[in-house]
Amino acid sequence: MKKILVVDDSAINLKLADKILKEVEDYKPVLVPSGARALQYLSKNVPDMIMLDIMMPDMDGFETLAEIKKNDALKGVPVVFLTADTESETVAKAKAAGALELLTKPFKKDELLELVEKHIS
């Protein structure tokens, strides 16, 4: 069972990601609504992949990823940003921060599954 941590402050996006990921028998989505909650989860668990919203209140995706990168146990975990922001500087900043890719919101089922399959296998 592959654990995929999905971090997004939007309940709608979490529900959508959950529904899509659960269609694959081997995927177990873990849903959290904030960067702080993600870090709490990650202090005790190592998922197979992290999908991280960029624009969140309190702690954005960049701040959350910076904290994740400080944890040696999480260094090999692929991180993909979820965002509605497709500006070239955001894409460049995401890559520089250590995200493998950006998935544009609202995401489509086939795009999400293809991205997960690509980075989790």
PDB file of N, CA and C in Angstrom:
ATOM      1  N   MET A   1       0.843  -1.187   0.000  1.00  0.00           N
ATOM      2  CA  MET A   1       0.000   0.000   0.000  1.00  0.00           C
ATOM      3  C   MET A   1       0.883   1.245   0.000  1.00  0.00           C
ATOM      4  N   LYS A   2       0.713   2.101  -0.980  1.00  0.00           N
ATOM      5  CA  LYS A   2       1.503   3.331  -1.098  1.00  0.00           C
ATOM      6  C   LYS A   2       0.746   4.486  -0.431  1.00  0.00           C
ATOM      7  N   LYS A   3       1.376   5.083   0.590  1.00  0.00           N
ATOM      8  CA  LYS A   3       0.760   6.213   1.282  1.00  0.00           C
ATOM      9  C   LYS A   3       1.108   7.509   0.568  1.00  0.00           C
ATOM     10  N   ILE A   4       0.069   8.274   0.238  1.00  0.00           N
ATOM     11  CA  ILE A   4       0.256   9.564  -0.435  1.00  0.00           C
ATOM     12  C   ILE A   4      -0.336  10.645   0.459  1.00  0.00           C
ATOM     13  N   LEU A   5       0.538  11.513   0.959  1.00  0.00           N
ATOM     14  CA  LEU A   5       0.096  12.615   1.811  1.00  0.00           C
ATOM     15  C   LEU A   5      -0.370  13.758   0.916  1.00  0.00           C
ATOM     16  N   VAL A   6      -1.618  14.182   1.086  1.00  0.00           N
ATOM     17  CA  VAL A   6      -2.166  15.296   0.316  1.00  0.00           C
ATOM     18  C   VAL A   6      -2.431  16.435   1.297  1.00  0.00           C
ATOM     19  N   VAL A   7      -1.783  17.582   1.039  1.00  0.00           N
ATOM     20  CA  VAL A   7      -1.875  18.738   1.928  1.00  0.00           C
ATOM     21  C   VAL A   7      -2.532  19.877   1.160  1.00  0.00           C
ATOM     22  N   ASP A   8      -3.720  20.284   1.602  1.00  0.00           N
ATOM     23  CA  ASP A   8      -4.441  21.369   0.927  1.00  0.00           C
ATOM     24  C   ASP A   8      -5.437  21.967   1.912  1.00  0.00           C
ATOM     25  N   ASP A   9      -5.528  23.286   1.931  1.00  0.00           N
ATOM     26  CA  ASP A   9      -6.470  23.933   2.848  1.00  0.00           C
ATOM     27  C   ASP A   9      -7.904  23.905   2.316  1.00  0.00           C
ATOM     28  N   SER A  10      -8.099  23.442   1.097  1.00  0.00           N
ATOM     29  CA  SER A  10      -9.432  23.351   0.502  1.00  0.00           C
ATOM     30  C   SER A  10     -10.017  21.952   0.704  1.00  0.00           C
ATOM     31  N   ALA A  11     -11.118  21.870   1.431  1.00  0.00           N
ATOM     32  CA  ALA A  11     -11.787  20.590   1.672  1.00  0.00           C
ATOM     33  C   ALA A  11     -12.226  19.955   0.352  1.00  0.00           C
ATOM     34  N   ILE A  12     -12.637  20.772  -0.601  1.00  0.00           N
ATOM     35  CA  ILE A  12     -13.076  20.265  -1.908  1.00  0.00           C
ATOM     36  C   ILE A  12     -11.917  19.575  -2.626  1.00  0.00           C
ATOM     37  N   ASN A  13     -10.739  20.205  -2.611  1.00  0.00           N
ATOM     38  CA  ASN A  13      -9.571  19.596  -3.260  1.00  0.00           C
ATOM     39  C   ASN A  13      -9.147  18.310  -2.562  1.00  0.00           C
ATOM     40  N   LEU A  14      -9.226  18.301  -1.227  1.00  0.00           N
ATOM     41  CA  LEU A  14      -8.878  17.078  -0.489  1.00  0.00           C
ATOM     42  C   LEU A  14      -9.832  15.944  -0.840  1.00  0.00           C
ATOM     43  N   LYS A  15     -11.125  16.254  -0.895  1.00  0.00           N
ATOM     44  CA  LYS A  15     -12.123  15.226  -1.231  1.00  0.00           C
ATOM     45  C   LYS A  15     -11.907  14.692  -2.644  1.00  0.00           C
ATOM     46  N   LEU A  16     -11.604  15.595  -3.573  1.00  0.00           N
ATOM     47  CA  LEU A  16     -11.378  15.196  -4.960  1.00  0.00           C
ATOM     48  C   LEU A  16     -10.141  14.297  -5.065  1.00  0.00           C
ATOM     49  N   ALA A  17      -9.042  14.702  -4.438  1.00  0.00           N
ATOM     50  CA  ALA A  17      -7.817  13.901  -4.468  1.00  0.00           C
ATOM     51  C   ALA A  17      -8.061  12.535  -3.822  1.00  0.00           C
ATOM     52  N   ASP A  18      -8.782  12.524  -2.715  1.00  0.00           N
ATOM     53  CA  ASP A  18      -9.103  11.287  -2.010  1.00  0.00           C
ATOM     54  C   ASP A  18      -9.882  10.339  -2.918  1.00  0.00           C
ATOM     55  N   LYS A  19     -10.912  10.866  -3.558  1.00  0.00           N
ATOM     56  CA  LYS A  19     -11.771  10.064  -4.442  1.00  0.00           C
ATOM     57  C   LYS A  19     -10.948   9.469  -5.596  1.00  0.00           C
ATOM     58  N   ILE A  20     -10.118  10.306  -6.217  1.00  0.00           N
ATOM     59  CA  ILE A  20      -9.313   9.857  -7.358  1.00  0.00           C
ATOM     60  C   ILE A  20      -8.286   8.802  -6.915  1.00  0.00           C
ATOM     61  N   LEU A  21      -7.564   9.087  -5.847  1.00  0.00           N
ATOM     62  CA  LEU A  21      -6.496   8.176  -5.416  1.00  0.00           C
ATOM     63  C   LEU A  21      -7.037   6.836  -4.928  1.00  0.00           C
ATOM     64  N   LYS A  22      -8.206   6.853  -4.310  1.00  0.00           N
ATOM     65  CA  LYS A  22      -8.794   5.608  -3.812  1.00  0.00           C
ATOM     66  C   LYS A  22      -9.251   4.680  -4.939  1.00  0.00           C
ATOM     67  N   GLU A  23      -9.335   5.197  -6.158  1.00  0.00           N
ATOM     68  CA  GLU A  23      -9.689   4.354  -7.299  1.00  0.00           C
ATOM     69  C   GLU A  23      -8.576   3.352  -7.616  1.00  0.00           C
ATOM     70  N   VAL A  24      -7.357   3.666  -7.174  1.00  0.00           N
ATOM     71  CA  VAL A  24      -6.231   2.747  -7.366  1.00  0.00           C
ATOM     72  C   VAL A  24      -6.078   1.954  -6.072  1.00  0.00           C
ATOM     73  N   GLU A  25      -6.227   0.647  -6.196  1.00  0.00           N
ATOM     74  CA  GLU A  25      -6.256  -0.231  -5.025  1.00  0.00           C
ATOM     75  C   GLU A  25      -5.022  -0.103  -4.140  1.00  0.00           C
ATOM     76  N   ASP A  26      -3.868   0.174  -4.742  1.00  0.00           N
ATOM     77  CA  ASP A  26      -2.611   0.215  -4.007  1.00  0.00           C
ATOM     78  C   ASP A  26      -2.319   1.567  -3.339  1.00  0.00           C
ATOM     79  N   TYR A  27      -3.163   2.578  -3.551  1.00  0.00           N
ATOM     80  CA  TYR A  27      -2.913   3.912  -2.994  1.00  0.00           C
ATOM     81  C   TYR A  27      -3.761   4.153  -1.746  1.00  0.00           C
ATOM     82  N   LYS A  28      -3.100   4.698  -0.716  1.00  0.00           N
ATOM     83  CA  LYS A  28      -3.814   5.078   0.494  1.00  0.00           C
ATOM     84  C   LYS A  28      -3.578   6.570   0.727  1.00  0.00           C
ATOM     85  N   PRO A  29      -4.564   7.401   0.361  1.00  0.00           N
ATOM     86  CA  PRO A  29      -4.395   8.836   0.588  1.00  0.00           C
ATOM     87  C   PRO A  29      -4.498   9.187   2.071  1.00  0.00           C
ATOM     88  N   VAL A  30      -3.632  10.089   2.507  1.00  0.00           N
ATOM     89  CA  VAL A  30      -3.676  10.640   3.854  1.00  0.00           C
ATOM     90  C   VAL A  30      -3.901  12.133   3.654  1.00  0.00           C
ATOM     91  N   LEU A  31      -5.012  12.653   4.168  1.00  0.00           N
ATOM     92  CA  LEU A  31      -5.410  14.025   3.889  1.00  0.00           C
ATOM     93  C   LEU A  31      -5.209  14.919   5.108  1.00  0.00           C
ATOM     94  N   VAL A  32      -4.531  16.044   4.901  1.00  0.00           N
ATOM     95  CA  VAL A  32      -4.366  17.028   5.977  1.00  0.00           C
ATOM     96  C   VAL A  32      -4.627  18.434   5.432  1.00  0.00           C
ATOM     97  N   PRO A  33      -5.221  19.315   6.266  1.00  0.00           N
ATOM     98  CA  PRO A  33      -5.654  20.624   5.784  1.00  0.00           C
ATOM     99  C   PRO A  33      -4.646  21.766   5.918  1.00  0.00           C
ATOM    100  N   SER A  34      -3.419  21.484   6.395  1.00  0.00           N
ATOM    101  CA  SER A  34      -2.462  22.584   6.577  1.00  0.00           C
ATOM    102  C   SER A  34      -1.029  22.068   6.610  1.00  0.00           C
ATOM    103  N   GLY A  35      -0.107  22.987   6.412  1.00  0.00           N
ATOM    104  CA  GLY A  35       1.305  22.641   6.494  1.00  0.00           C
ATOM    105  C   GLY A  35       1.690  22.158   7.884  1.00  0.00           C
ATOM    106  N   ALA A  36       1.156  22.816   8.913  1.00  0.00           N
ATOM    107  CA  ALA A  36       1.468  22.423  10.292  1.00  0.00           C
ATOM    108  C   ALA A  36       1.000  20.995  10.572  1.00  0.00           C
ATOM    109  N   ARG A  37      -0.194  20.650  10.101  1.00  0.00           N
ATOM    110  CA  ARG A  37      -0.720  19.290  10.299  1.00  0.00           C
ATOM    111  C   ARG A  37       0.118  18.283   9.505  1.00  0.00           C
ATOM    112  N   ALA A  38       0.584  18.696   8.332  1.00  0.00           N
ATOM    113  CA  ALA A  38       1.446  17.817   7.536  1.00  0.00           C
ATOM    114  C   ALA A  38       2.730  17.508   8.301  1.00  0.00           C
ATOM    115  N   LEU A  39       3.323  18.538   8.899  1.00  0.00           N
ATOM    116  CA  LEU A  39       4.570  18.340   9.644  1.00  0.00           C
ATOM    117  C   LEU A  39       4.349  17.454  10.866  1.00  0.00           C
ATOM    118  N   GLN A  40       3.186  17.589  11.512  1.00  0.00           N
ATOM    119  CA  GLN A  40       2.847  16.702  12.646  1.00  0.00           C
ATOM    120  C   GLN A  40       2.812  15.252  12.166  1.00  0.00           C
ATOM    121  N   TYR A  41       2.115  15.013  11.071  1.00  0.00           N
ATOM    122  CA  TYR A  41       2.009  13.666  10.502  1.00  0.00           C
ATOM    123  C   TYR A  41       3.393  13.137  10.132  1.00  0.00           C
ATOM    124  N   LEU A  42       4.185  13.989   9.476  1.00  0.00           N
ATOM    125  CA  LEU A  42       5.497  13.572   8.978  1.00  0.00           C
ATOM    126  C   LEU A  42       6.513  13.339  10.092  1.00  0.00           C
ATOM    127  N   SER A  43       6.244  13.855  11.278  1.00  0.00           N
ATOM    128  CA  SER A  43       7.165  13.625  12.396  1.00  0.00           C
ATOM    129  C   SER A  43       7.129  12.162  12.837  1.00  0.00           C
ATOM    130  N   LYS A  44       6.060  11.446  12.473  1.00  0.00           N
ATOM    131  CA  LYS A  44       5.910  10.051  12.886  1.00  0.00           C
ATOM    132  C   LYS A  44       5.744   9.080  11.711  1.00  0.00           C
ATOM    133  N   ASN A  45       5.581   9.599  10.495  1.00  0.00           N
ATOM    134  CA  ASN A  45       5.295   8.763   9.326  1.00  0.00           C
ATOM    135  C   ASN A  45       6.115   9.207   8.122  1.00  0.00           C
ATOM    136  N   VAL A  46       6.459   8.242   7.276  1.00  0.00           N
ATOM    137  CA  VAL A  46       7.141   8.558   6.019  1.00  0.00           C
ATOM    138  C   VAL A  46       6.262   8.038   4.882  1.00  0.00           C
ATOM    139  N   PRO A  47       5.590   8.961   4.175  1.00  0.00           N
ATOM    140  CA  PRO A  47       4.743   8.530   3.060  1.00  0.00           C
ATOM    141  C   PRO A  47       5.593   8.196   1.836  1.00  0.00           C
ATOM    142  N   ASP A  48       4.943   7.639   0.823  1.00  0.00           N
ATOM    143  CA  ASP A  48       5.639   7.323  -0.423  1.00  0.00           C
ATOM    144  C   ASP A  48       5.688   8.531  -1.352  1.00  0.00           C
ATOM    145  N   MET A  49       4.811   9.508  -1.089  1.00  0.00           N
ATOM    146  CA  MET A  49       4.756  10.712  -1.915  1.00  0.00           C
ATOM    147  C   MET A  49       4.017  11.798  -1.145  1.00  0.00           C
ATOM    148  N   ILE A  50       4.358  13.066  -1.443  1.00  0.00           N
ATOM    149  CA  ILE A  50       3.671  14.199  -0.832  1.00  0.00           C
ATOM    150  C   ILE A  50       3.154  15.097  -1.946  1.00  0.00           C
ATOM    151  N   MET A  51       1.861  15.417  -1.881  1.00  0.00           N
ATOM    152  CA  MET A  51       1.253  16.388  -2.797  1.00  0.00           C
ATOM    153  C   MET A  51       0.905  17.604  -1.939  1.00  0.00           C
ATOM    154  N   LEU A  52       1.471  18.744  -2.280  1.00  0.00           N
ATOM    155  CA  LEU A  52       1.458  19.896  -1.388  1.00  0.00           C
ATOM    156  C   LEU A  52       0.935  21.151  -2.084  1.00  0.00           C
ATOM    157  N   ASP A  53      -0.134  21.704  -1.531  1.00  0.00           N
ATOM    158  CA  ASP A  53      -0.681  22.958  -2.044  1.00  0.00           C
ATOM    159  C   ASP A  53       0.325  24.073  -1.767  1.00  0.00           C
ATOM    160  N   ILE A  54       0.462  25.018  -2.677  1.00  0.00           N
ATOM    161  CA  ILE A  54       1.379  26.138  -2.454  1.00  0.00           C
ATOM    162  C   ILE A  54       0.711  27.223  -1.613  1.00  0.00           C
ATOM    163  N   MET A  55      -0.479  27.642  -2.026  1.00  0.00           N
ATOM    164  CA  MET A  55      -1.121  28.774  -1.362  1.00  0.00           C
ATOM    165  C   MET A  55      -2.036  28.307  -0.235  1.00  0.00           C
ATOM    166  N   MET A  56      -1.510  28.390   1.005  1.00  0.00           N
ATOM    167  CA  MET A  56      -2.276  28.040   2.198  1.00  0.00           C
ATOM    168  C   MET A  56      -2.036  29.124   3.242  1.00  0.00           C
ATOM    169  N   PRO A  57      -3.016  29.355   4.101  1.00  0.00           N
ATOM    170  CA  PRO A  57      -2.827  30.343   5.163  1.00  0.00           C
ATOM    171  C   PRO A  57      -1.825  29.830   6.205  1.00  0.00           C
ATOM    172  N   ASP A  58      -1.298  30.704   7.013  1.00  0.00           N
ATOM    173  CA  ASP A  58      -0.357  30.390   8.090  1.00  0.00           C
ATOM    174  C   ASP A  58       0.993  29.906   7.571  1.00  0.00           C
ATOM    175  N   MET A  59       1.040  28.732   6.978  1.00  0.00           N
ATOM    176  CA  MET A  59       2.290  28.174   6.463  1.00  0.00           C
ATOM    177  C   MET A  59       2.053  27.722   5.030  1.00  0.00           C
ATOM    178  N   ASP A  60       2.684  28.415   4.066  1.00  0.00           N
ATOM    179  CA  ASP A  60       2.439  28.039   2.667  1.00  0.00           C
ATOM    180  C   ASP A  60       3.250  26.798   2.284  1.00  0.00           C
ATOM    181  N   GLY A  61       3.062  26.351   1.067  1.00  0.00           N
ATOM    182  CA  GLY A  61       3.727  25.143   0.601  1.00  0.00           C
ATOM    183  C   GLY A  61       5.244  25.254   0.589  1.00  0.00           C
ATOM    184  N   PHE A  62       5.762  26.430   0.269  1.00  0.00           N
ATOM    185  CA  PHE A  62       7.211  26.618   0.245  1.00  0.00           C
ATOM    186  C   PHE A  62       7.797  26.486   1.649  1.00  0.00           C
ATOM    187  N   GLU A  63       7.135  27.102   2.638  1.00  0.00           N
ATOM    188  CA  GLU A  63       7.599  27.005   4.030  1.00  0.00           C
ATOM    189  C   GLU A  63       7.503  25.558   4.525  1.00  0.00           C
ATOM    190  N   THR A  64       6.410  24.901   4.163  1.00  0.00           N
ATOM    191  CA  THR A  64       6.216  23.504   4.568  1.00  0.00           C
ATOM    192  C   THR A  64       7.299  22.621   3.964  1.00  0.00           C
ATOM    193  N   LEU A  65       7.576  22.809   2.676  1.00  0.00           N
ATOM    194  CA  LEU A  65       8.604  22.008   2.007  1.00  0.00           C
ATOM    195  C   LEU A  65       9.982  22.260   2.613  1.00  0.00           C
ATOM    196  N   ALA A  66      10.275  23.497   2.973  1.00  0.00           N
ATOM    197  CA  ALA A  66      11.568  23.809   3.600  1.00  0.00           C
ATOM    198  C   ALA A  66      11.730  23.021   4.904  1.00  0.00           C
ATOM    199  N   GLU A  67      10.652  22.905   5.669  1.00  0.00           N
ATOM    200  CA  GLU A  67      10.692  22.122   6.910  1.00  0.00           C
ATOM    201  C   GLU A  67      10.833  20.629   6.621  1.00  0.00           C
ATOM    202  N   ILE A  68      10.127  20.158   5.611  1.00  0.00           N
ATOM    203  CA  ILE A  68      10.211  18.741   5.221  1.00  0.00           C
ATOM    204  C   ILE A  68      11.653  18.389   4.847  1.00  0.00           C
ATOM    205  N   LYS A  69      12.307  19.279   4.105  1.00  0.00           N
ATOM    206  CA  LYS A  69      13.672  19.025   3.627  1.00  0.00           C
ATOM    207  C   LYS A  69      14.688  18.942   4.772  1.00  0.00           C
ATOM    208  N   LYS A  70      14.347  19.475   5.941  1.00  0.00           N
ATOM    209  CA  LYS A  70      15.250  19.407   7.100  1.00  0.00           C
ATOM    210  C   LYS A  70      15.252  18.023   7.748  1.00  0.00           C
ATOM    211  N   ASN A  71      14.266  17.191   7.407  1.00  0.00           N
ATOM    212  CA  ASN A  71      14.123  15.871   8.009  1.00  0.00           C
ATOM    213  C   ASN A  71      14.790  14.824   7.113  1.00  0.00           C
ATOM    214  N   ASP A  72      15.886  14.240   7.590  1.00  0.00           N
ATOM    215  CA  ASP A  72      16.645  13.266   6.798  1.00  0.00           C
ATOM    216  C   ASP A  72      15.795  12.077   6.355  1.00  0.00           C
ATOM    217  N   ALA A  73      14.851  11.664   7.187  1.00  0.00           N
ATOM    218  CA  ALA A  73      14.006  10.505   6.865  1.00  0.00           C
ATOM    219  C   ALA A  73      13.117  10.773   5.649  1.00  0.00           C
ATOM    220  N   LEU A  74      12.890  12.052   5.344  1.00  0.00           N
ATOM    221  CA  LEU A  74      11.972  12.424   4.258  1.00  0.00           C
ATOM    222  C   LEU A  74      12.700  12.846   2.980  1.00  0.00           C
ATOM    223  N   LYS A  75      14.022  12.844   3.001  1.00  0.00           N
ATOM    224  CA  LYS A  75      14.795  13.356   1.859  1.00  0.00           C
ATOM    225  C   LYS A  75      14.462  12.674   0.525  1.00  0.00           C
ATOM    226  N   GLY A  76      14.168  11.369   0.557  1.00  0.00           N
ATOM    227  CA  GLY A  76      13.897  10.654  -0.684  1.00  0.00           C
ATOM    228  C   GLY A  76      12.442  10.637  -1.111  1.00  0.00           C
ATOM    229  N   VAL A  77      11.585  11.297  -0.335  1.00  0.00           N
ATOM    230  CA  VAL A  77      10.149  11.283  -0.652  1.00  0.00           C
ATOM    231  C   VAL A  77       9.849  12.313  -1.748  1.00  0.00           C
ATOM    232  N   PRO A  78       9.262  11.873  -2.868  1.00  0.00           N
ATOM    233  CA  PRO A  78       8.939  12.830  -3.930  1.00  0.00           C
ATOM    234  C   PRO A  78       7.840  13.801  -3.490  1.00  0.00           C
ATOM    235  N   VAL A  79       8.049  15.077  -3.818  1.00  0.00           N
ATOM    236  CA  VAL A  79       7.071  16.118  -3.490  1.00  0.00           C
ATOM    237  C   VAL A  79       6.621  16.791  -4.783  1.00  0.00           C
ATOM    238  N   VAL A  80       5.307  16.887  -4.941  1.00  0.00           N
ATOM    239  CA  VAL A  80       4.714  17.573  -6.085  1.00  0.00           C
ATOM    240  C   VAL A  80       3.836  18.692  -5.539  1.00  0.00           C
ATOM    241  N   PHE A  81       3.975  19.879  -6.091  1.00  0.00           N
ATOM    242  CA  PHE A  81       3.132  20.991  -5.670  1.00  0.00           C
ATOM    243  C   PHE A  81       1.800  20.969  -6.419  1.00  0.00           C
ATOM    244  N   LEU A  82       0.746  21.323  -5.701  1.00  0.00           N
ATOM    245  CA  LEU A  82      -0.581  21.536  -6.291  1.00  0.00           C
ATOM    246  C   LEU A  82      -0.802  23.043  -6.291  1.00  0.00           C
ATOM    247  N   THR A  83      -1.159  23.609  -7.426  1.00  0.00           N
ATOM    248  CA  THR A  83      -1.332  25.061  -7.453  1.00  0.00           C
ATOM    249  C   THR A  83      -2.207  25.518  -8.613  1.00  0.00           C
ATOM    250  N   ALA A  84      -2.847  26.642  -8.410  1.00  0.00           N
ATOM    251  CA  ALA A  84      -3.586  27.283  -9.496  1.00  0.00           C
ATOM    252  C   ALA A  84      -2.683  28.326 -10.172  1.00  0.00           C
ATOM    253  N   ASP A  85      -1.527  28.583  -9.564  1.00  0.00           N
ATOM    254  CA  ASP A  85      -0.586  29.593 -10.054  1.00  0.00           C
ATOM    255  C   ASP A  85       0.403  28.950 -11.020  1.00  0.00           C
ATOM    256  N   THR A  86       0.293  29.304 -12.300  1.00  0.00           N
ATOM    257  CA  THR A  86       1.184  28.720 -13.307  1.00  0.00           C
ATOM    258  C   THR A  86       2.195  29.740 -13.853  1.00  0.00           C
ATOM    259  N   GLU A  87       2.378  30.837 -13.116  1.00  0.00           N
ATOM    260  CA  GLU A  87       3.362  31.841 -13.528  1.00  0.00           C
ATOM    261  C   GLU A  87       4.748  31.197 -13.584  1.00  0.00           C
ATOM    262  N   SER A  88       5.568  31.605 -14.543  1.00  0.00           N
ATOM    263  CA  SER A  88       6.883  30.980 -14.718  1.00  0.00           C
ATOM    264  C   SER A  88       7.765  31.140 -13.481  1.00  0.00           C
ATOM    265  N   GLU A  89       7.622  32.266 -12.758  1.00  0.00           N
ATOM    266  CA  GLU A  89       8.460  32.441 -11.559  1.00  0.00           C
ATOM    267  C   GLU A  89       8.039  31.482 -10.441  1.00  0.00           C
ATOM    268  N   THR A  90       6.748  31.154 -10.382  1.00  0.00           N
ATOM    269  CA  THR A  90       6.277  30.182  -9.389  1.00  0.00           C
ATOM    270  C   THR A  90       6.823  28.800  -9.715  1.00  0.00           C
ATOM    271  N   VAL A  91       6.792  28.453 -10.992  1.00  0.00           N
ATOM    272  CA  VAL A  91       7.327  27.158 -11.436  1.00  0.00           C
ATOM    273  C   VAL A  91       8.815  27.073 -11.096  1.00  0.00           C
ATOM    274  N   ALA A  92       9.559  28.122 -11.384  1.00  0.00           N
ATOM    275  CA  ALA A  92      10.999  28.152 -11.103  1.00  0.00           C
ATOM    276  C   ALA A  92      11.262  28.067  -9.598  1.00  0.00           C
ATOM    277  N   LYS A  93      10.483  28.796  -8.810  1.00  0.00           N
ATOM    278  CA  LYS A  93      10.635  28.786  -7.348  1.00  0.00           C
ATOM    279  C   LYS A  93      10.324  27.390  -6.789  1.00  0.00           C
ATOM    280  N   ALA A  94       9.323  26.738  -7.359  1.00  0.00           N
ATOM    281  CA  ALA A  94       8.936  25.396  -6.912  1.00  0.00           C
ATOM    282  C   ALA A  94      10.060  24.398  -7.174  1.00  0.00           C
ATOM    283  N   LYS A  95      10.644  24.463  -8.354  1.00  0.00           N
ATOM    284  CA  LYS A  95      11.753  23.561  -8.702  1.00  0.00           C
ATOM    285  C   LYS A  95      12.952  23.825  -7.785  1.00  0.00           C
ATOM    286  N   ALA A  96      13.251  25.111  -7.562  1.00  0.00           N
ATOM    287  CA  ALA A  96      14.376  25.483  -6.698  1.00  0.00           C
ATOM    288  C   ALA A  96      14.153  24.996  -5.263  1.00  0.00           C
ATOM    289  N   ALA A  97      12.899  24.964  -4.830  1.00  0.00           N
ATOM    290  CA  ALA A  97      12.569  24.523  -3.470  1.00  0.00           C
ATOM    291  C   ALA A  97      12.685  23.016  -3.315  1.00  0.00           C
ATOM    292  N   GLY A  98      12.680  22.291  -4.446  1.00  0.00           N
ATOM    293  CA  GLY A  98      12.829  20.846  -4.383  1.00  0.00           C
ATOM    294  C   GLY A  98      11.616  20.045  -4.824  1.00  0.00           C
ATOM    295  N   ALA A  99      10.590  20.728  -5.324  1.00  0.00           N
ATOM    296  CA  ALA A  99       9.426  20.002  -5.842  1.00  0.00           C
ATOM    297  C   ALA A  99       9.777  19.408  -7.204  1.00  0.00           C
ATOM    298  N   LEU A 100       9.304  18.198  -7.444  1.00  0.00           N
ATOM    299  CA  LEU A 100       9.605  17.551  -8.721  1.00  0.00           C
ATOM    300  C   LEU A 100       8.795  18.142  -9.862  1.00  0.00           C
ATOM    301  N   GLU A 101       7.532  18.478  -9.558  1.00  0.00           N
ATOM    302  CA  GLU A 101       6.633  19.008 -10.585  1.00  0.00           C
ATOM    303  C   GLU A 101       5.540  19.836  -9.935  1.00  0.00           C
ATOM    304  N   LEU A 102       4.766  20.486 -10.801  1.00  0.00           N
ATOM    305  CA  LEU A 102       3.566  21.195 -10.361  1.00  0.00           C
ATOM    306  C   LEU A 102       2.371  20.580 -11.067  1.00  0.00           C
ATOM    307  N   LEU A 103       1.321  20.344 -10.308  1.00  0.00           N
ATOM    308  CA  LEU A 103       0.063  19.884 -10.878  1.00  0.00           C
ATOM    309  C   LEU A 103      -0.906  21.052 -10.759  1.00  0.00           C
ATOM    310  N   THR A 104      -1.424  21.483 -11.889  1.00  0.00           N
ATOM    311  CA  THR A 104      -2.304  22.650 -11.915  1.00  0.00           C
ATOM    312  C   THR A 104      -3.699  22.301 -11.420  1.00  0.00           C
ATOM    313  N   LYS A 105      -4.200  23.156 -10.517  1.00  0.00           N
ATOM    314  CA  LYS A 105      -5.578  23.012 -10.028  1.00  0.00           C
ATOM    315  C   LYS A 105      -6.480  23.892 -10.876  1.00  0.00           C
ATOM    316  N   PRO A 106      -7.709  23.503 -11.100  1.00  0.00           N
ATOM    317  CA  PRO A 106      -8.287  22.229 -10.665  1.00  0.00           C
ATOM    318  C   PRO A 106      -7.681  21.076 -11.448  1.00  0.00           C
ATOM    319  N   PHE A 107      -7.233  20.030 -10.734  1.00  0.00           N
ATOM    320  CA  PHE A 107      -6.572  18.929 -11.414  1.00  0.00           C
ATOM    321  C   PHE A 107      -7.580  17.946 -11.995  1.00  0.00           C
ATOM    322  N   LYS A 108      -7.134  17.297 -13.047  1.00  0.00           N
ATOM    323  CA  LYS A 108      -7.957  16.287 -13.720  1.00  0.00           C
ATOM    324  C   LYS A 108      -7.495  14.909 -13.252  1.00  0.00           C
ATOM    325  N   LYS A 109      -8.432  13.994 -13.210  1.00  0.00           N
ATOM    326  CA  LYS A 109      -8.171  12.642 -12.722  1.00  0.00           C
ATOM    327  C   LYS A 109      -6.969  11.992 -13.406  1.00  0.00           C
ATOM    328  N   ASP A 110      -6.958  12.000 -14.741  1.00  0.00           N
ATOM    329  CA  ASP A 110      -5.871  11.315 -15.454  1.00  0.00           C
ATOM    330  C   ASP A 110      -4.516  11.972 -15.202  1.00  0.00           C
ATOM    331  N   GLU A 111      -4.489  13.310 -15.081  1.00  0.00           N
ATOM    332  CA  GLU A 111      -3.233  14.012 -14.816  1.00  0.00           C
ATOM    333  C   GLU A 111      -2.696  13.653 -13.436  1.00  0.00           C
ATOM    334  N   LEU A 112      -3.583  13.628 -12.447  1.00  0.00           N
ATOM    335  CA  LEU A 112      -3.178  13.317 -11.085  1.00  0.00           C
ATOM    336  C   LEU A 112      -2.637  11.893 -10.998  1.00  0.00           C
ATOM    337  N   LEU A 113      -3.356  10.946 -11.545  1.00  0.00           N
ATOM    338  CA  LEU A 113      -2.933   9.544 -11.475  1.00  0.00           C
ATOM    339  C   LEU A 113      -1.632   9.304 -12.244  1.00  0.00           C
ATOM    340  N   GLU A 114      -1.482   9.950 -13.387  1.00  0.00           N
ATOM    341  CA  GLU A 114      -0.271   9.813 -14.188  1.00  0.00           C
ATOM    342  C   GLU A 114       0.941  10.345 -13.416  1.00  0.00           C
ATOM    343  N   LEU A 115       0.766  11.475 -12.765  1.00  0.00           N
ATOM    344  CA  LEU A 115       1.834  12.095 -11.987  1.00  0.00           C
ATOM    345  C   LEU A 115       2.239  11.214 -10.810  1.00  0.00           C
ATOM    346  N   VAL A 116       1.262  10.680 -10.100  1.00  0.00           N
ATOM    347  CA  VAL A 116       1.546   9.811  -8.961  1.00  0.00           C
ATOM    348  C   VAL A 116       2.265   8.557  -9.441  1.00  0.00           C
ATOM    349  N   GLU A 117       1.769   7.956 -10.479  1.00  0.00           N
ATOM    350  CA  GLU A 117       2.379   6.731 -11.025  1.00  0.00           C
ATOM    351  C   GLU A 117       3.833   6.985 -11.440  1.00  0.00           C
ATOM    352  N   LYS A 118       4.064   8.118 -12.035  1.00  0.00           N
ATOM    353  CA  LYS A 118       5.403   8.477 -12.516  1.00  0.00           C
ATOM    354  C   LYS A 118       6.417   8.580 -11.360  1.00  0.00           C
ATOM    355  N   HIS A 119       5.997   9.129 -10.234  1.00  0.00           N
ATOM    356  CA  HIS A 119       6.940   9.409  -9.150  1.00  0.00           C
ATOM    357  C   HIS A 119       6.945   8.390  -8.024  1.00  0.00           C
ATOM    358  N   ILE A 120       5.968   7.501  -8.011  1.00  0.00           N
ATOM    359  CA  ILE A 120       5.857   6.585  -6.878  1.00  0.00           C
ATOM    360  C   ILE A 120       6.378   5.195  -7.194  1.00  0.00           C
ATOM    361  N   SER A 121       6.540   4.881  -8.470  1.00  0.00           N
ATOM    362  CA  SER A 121       6.920   3.504  -8.830  1.00  0.00           C
ATOM    363  C   SER A 121       8.369   3.180  -8.504  1.00  0.00           C
TER     364      SER A 121
END
